[in-house]
């Protein structure tokens, strides 16, 4: 019985997002973006990226290129507590509520 329930769960599709960084901009600044515009992130290029599943951080990793495609090498699985603390937008609950 448990095996059937687990098999059912393994077939559920969930959105996976890789967050390279974040930035806060005014609406006017966003409207001023065009091809070639640069947006600076609050993260250094060598910093790890966040892997979010269904809006919650589940892992961290480093960006890699594999046969000309981008990928993420997982370097850390976050703790259960941290997964629960991340809000819907993947930000810590205290920041996501502001």
C-alpha atoms as a PDB file:
ATOM      1  CA  UNK A   1       0.000   0.000   0.000  1.00  0.00           C
ATOM      2  CA  UNK A   2       2.783   2.473   0.910  1.00  0.00           C
ATOM      3  CA  UNK A   3       4.604   1.716  -2.324  1.00  0.00           C
ATOM      4  CA  UNK A   4       1.519   2.621  -4.389  1.00  0.00           C
ATOM      5  CA  UNK A   5       1.088   5.907  -2.492  1.00  0.00           C
ATOM      6  CA  UNK A   6       4.761   6.760  -2.980  1.00  0.00           C
ATOM      7  CA  UNK A   7       4.548   5.903  -6.689  1.00  0.00           C
ATOM      8  CA  UNK A   8       1.573   8.252  -7.010  1.00  0.00           C
ATOM      9  CA  UNK A   9       3.508  11.087  -5.316  1.00  0.00           C
ATOM     10  CA  UNK A  10       6.570  10.543  -7.507  1.00  0.00           C
ATOM     11  CA  UNK A  11       4.482  11.343 -10.605  1.00  0.00           C
ATOM     12  CA  UNK A  12       3.364  14.780  -9.343  1.00  0.00           C
ATOM     13  CA  UNK A  13       4.896  17.668 -11.295  1.00  0.00           C
ATOM     14  CA  UNK A  14       6.094  20.711  -9.325  1.00  0.00           C
ATOM     15  CA  UNK A  15       7.613  23.978 -10.559  1.00  0.00           C
ATOM     16  CA  UNK A  16      11.385  24.191 -10.066  1.00  0.00           C
ATOM     17  CA  UNK A  17      13.054  27.619 -10.039  1.00  0.00           C
ATOM     18  CA  UNK A  18      16.738  28.493  -9.811  1.00  0.00           C
ATOM     19  CA  UNK A  19      17.238  31.900  -8.201  1.00  0.00           C
ATOM     20  CA  UNK A  20      20.462  33.528  -9.343  1.00  0.00           C
ATOM     21  CA  UNK A  21      19.906  36.652  -7.277  1.00  0.00           C
ATOM     22  CA  UNK A  22      17.444  39.395  -6.497  1.00  0.00           C
ATOM     23  CA  UNK A  23      17.208  43.126  -6.855  1.00  0.00           C
ATOM     24  CA  UNK A  24      14.758  45.806  -5.792  1.00  0.00           C
ATOM     25  CA  UNK A  25      13.736  48.330  -8.418  1.00  0.00           C
ATOM     26  CA  UNK A  26      11.078  50.991  -8.688  1.00  0.00           C
ATOM     27  CA  UNK A  27       8.295  50.453 -11.199  1.00  0.00           C
ATOM     28  CA  UNK A  28       9.697  53.336 -13.216  1.00  0.00           C
ATOM     29  CA  UNK A  29      13.105  51.641 -13.386  1.00  0.00           C
ATOM     30  CA  UNK A  30      11.499  48.383 -14.536  1.00  0.00           C
ATOM     31  CA  UNK A  31       9.556  50.226 -17.230  1.00  0.00           C
ATOM     32  CA  UNK A  32      12.835  51.780 -18.383  1.00  0.00           C
ATOM     33  CA  UNK A  33      14.465  48.395 -19.062  1.00  0.00           C
ATOM     34  CA  UNK A  34      15.216  47.517 -22.664  1.00  0.00           C
ATOM     35  CA  UNK A  35      17.354  45.044 -24.589  1.00  0.00           C
ATOM     36  CA  UNK A  36      20.916  45.389 -23.309  1.00  0.00           C
ATOM     37  CA  UNK A  37      19.916  46.834 -19.908  1.00  0.00           C
ATOM     38  CA  UNK A  38      21.819  45.476 -16.919  1.00  0.00           C
ATOM     39  CA  UNK A  39      20.184  44.511 -13.642  1.00  0.00           C
ATOM     40  CA  UNK A  40      22.565  44.082 -10.723  1.00  0.00           C
ATOM     41  CA  UNK A  41      21.827  41.301  -8.245  1.00  0.00           C
ATOM     42  CA  UNK A  42      22.491  41.393  -4.516  1.00  0.00           C
ATOM     43  CA  UNK A  43      24.758  38.378  -4.926  1.00  0.00           C
ATOM     44  CA  UNK A  44      28.314  37.845  -6.159  1.00  0.00           C
ATOM     45  CA  UNK A  45      28.829  35.628  -9.228  1.00  0.00           C
ATOM     46  CA  UNK A  46      30.680  33.036  -7.155  1.00  0.00           C
ATOM     47  CA  UNK A  47      27.866  32.782  -4.559  1.00  0.00           C
ATOM     48  CA  UNK A  48      25.645  29.715  -4.590  1.00  0.00           C
ATOM     49  CA  UNK A  49      22.234  29.787  -6.269  1.00  0.00           C
ATOM     50  CA  UNK A  50      18.981  28.780  -4.593  1.00  0.00           C
ATOM     51  CA  UNK A  51      16.915  25.882  -5.935  1.00  0.00           C
ATOM     52  CA  UNK A  52      13.237  26.361  -5.172  1.00  0.00           C
ATOM     53  CA  UNK A  53      10.491  23.779  -5.543  1.00  0.00           C
ATOM     54  CA  UNK A  54       6.966  25.135  -5.417  1.00  0.00           C
ATOM     55  CA  UNK A  55       8.313  28.459  -4.125  1.00  0.00           C
ATOM     56  CA  UNK A  56      10.352  27.033  -1.251  1.00  0.00           C
ATOM     57  CA  UNK A  57      14.145  26.787  -1.059  1.00  0.00           C
ATOM     58  CA  UNK A  58      15.079  23.100  -0.957  1.00  0.00           C
ATOM     59  CA  UNK A  59      18.731  23.211  -2.005  1.00  0.00           C
ATOM     60  CA  UNK A  60      21.693  25.379  -2.970  1.00  0.00           C
ATOM     61  CA  UNK A  61      24.220  24.795  -5.685  1.00  0.00           C
ATOM     62  CA  UNK A  62      26.590  26.228  -8.238  1.00  0.00           C
ATOM     63  CA  UNK A  63      25.896  27.087 -11.849  1.00  0.00           C
ATOM     64  CA  UNK A  64      27.580  24.828 -14.397  1.00  0.00           C
ATOM     65  CA  UNK A  65      27.566  24.539 -18.163  1.00  0.00           C
ATOM     66  CA  UNK A  66      26.977  21.060 -19.572  1.00  0.00           C
ATOM     67  CA  UNK A  67      27.225  20.618 -23.347  1.00  0.00           C
ATOM     68  CA  UNK A  68      26.330  24.271 -23.893  1.00  0.00           C
ATOM     69  CA  UNK A  69      23.356  24.248 -21.482  1.00  0.00           C
ATOM     70  CA  UNK A  70      23.129  25.745 -18.016  1.00  0.00           C
ATOM     71  CA  UNK A  71      22.699  23.453 -15.047  1.00  0.00           C
ATOM     72  CA  UNK A  72      22.983  23.457 -11.264  1.00  0.00           C
ATOM     73  CA  UNK A  73      25.309  21.187  -9.303  1.00  0.00           C
ATOM     74  CA  UNK A  74      23.606  20.653  -5.948  1.00  0.00           C
ATOM     75  CA  UNK A  75      26.039  21.322  -3.096  1.00  0.00           C
ATOM     76  CA  UNK A  76      23.637  21.532  -0.139  1.00  0.00           C
ATOM     77  CA  UNK A  77      20.177  20.274   0.772  1.00  0.00           C
ATOM     78  CA  UNK A  78      18.592  22.751   3.168  1.00  0.00           C
ATOM     79  CA  UNK A  79      17.291  21.659   6.550  1.00  0.00           C
ATOM     80  CA  UNK A  80      13.635  20.903   7.146  1.00  0.00           C
ATOM     81  CA  UNK A  81      13.438  23.994   9.362  1.00  0.00           C
ATOM     82  CA  UNK A  82      14.796  26.245   6.598  1.00  0.00           C
ATOM     83  CA  UNK A  83      12.382  24.748   4.053  1.00  0.00           C
ATOM     84  CA  UNK A  84       9.490  25.527   6.376  1.00  0.00           C
ATOM     85  CA  UNK A  85      10.788  29.054   7.063  1.00  0.00           C
ATOM     86  CA  UNK A  86      10.901  30.080   3.408  1.00  0.00           C
ATOM     87  CA  UNK A  87       7.732  31.802   2.273  1.00  0.00           C
ATOM     88  CA  UNK A  88       5.756  31.386  -0.918  1.00  0.00           C
ATOM     89  CA  UNK A  89       8.103  33.679  -2.839  1.00  0.00           C
ATOM     90  CA  UNK A  90      11.075  31.706  -1.561  1.00  0.00           C
ATOM     91  CA  UNK A  91      12.119  34.500   0.781  1.00  0.00           C
ATOM     92  CA  UNK A  92      12.430  34.052   4.534  1.00  0.00           C
ATOM     93  CA  UNK A  93       8.964  34.486   6.054  1.00  0.00           C
ATOM     94  CA  UNK A  94       9.910  37.686   7.921  1.00  0.00           C
ATOM     95  CA  UNK A  95      11.055  39.343   4.672  1.00  0.00           C
ATOM     96  CA  UNK A  96       8.282  37.903   2.504  1.00  0.00           C
ATOM     97  CA  UNK A  97       5.597  39.447   4.741  1.00  0.00           C
ATOM     98  CA  UNK A  98       7.013  42.976   4.431  1.00  0.00           C
END
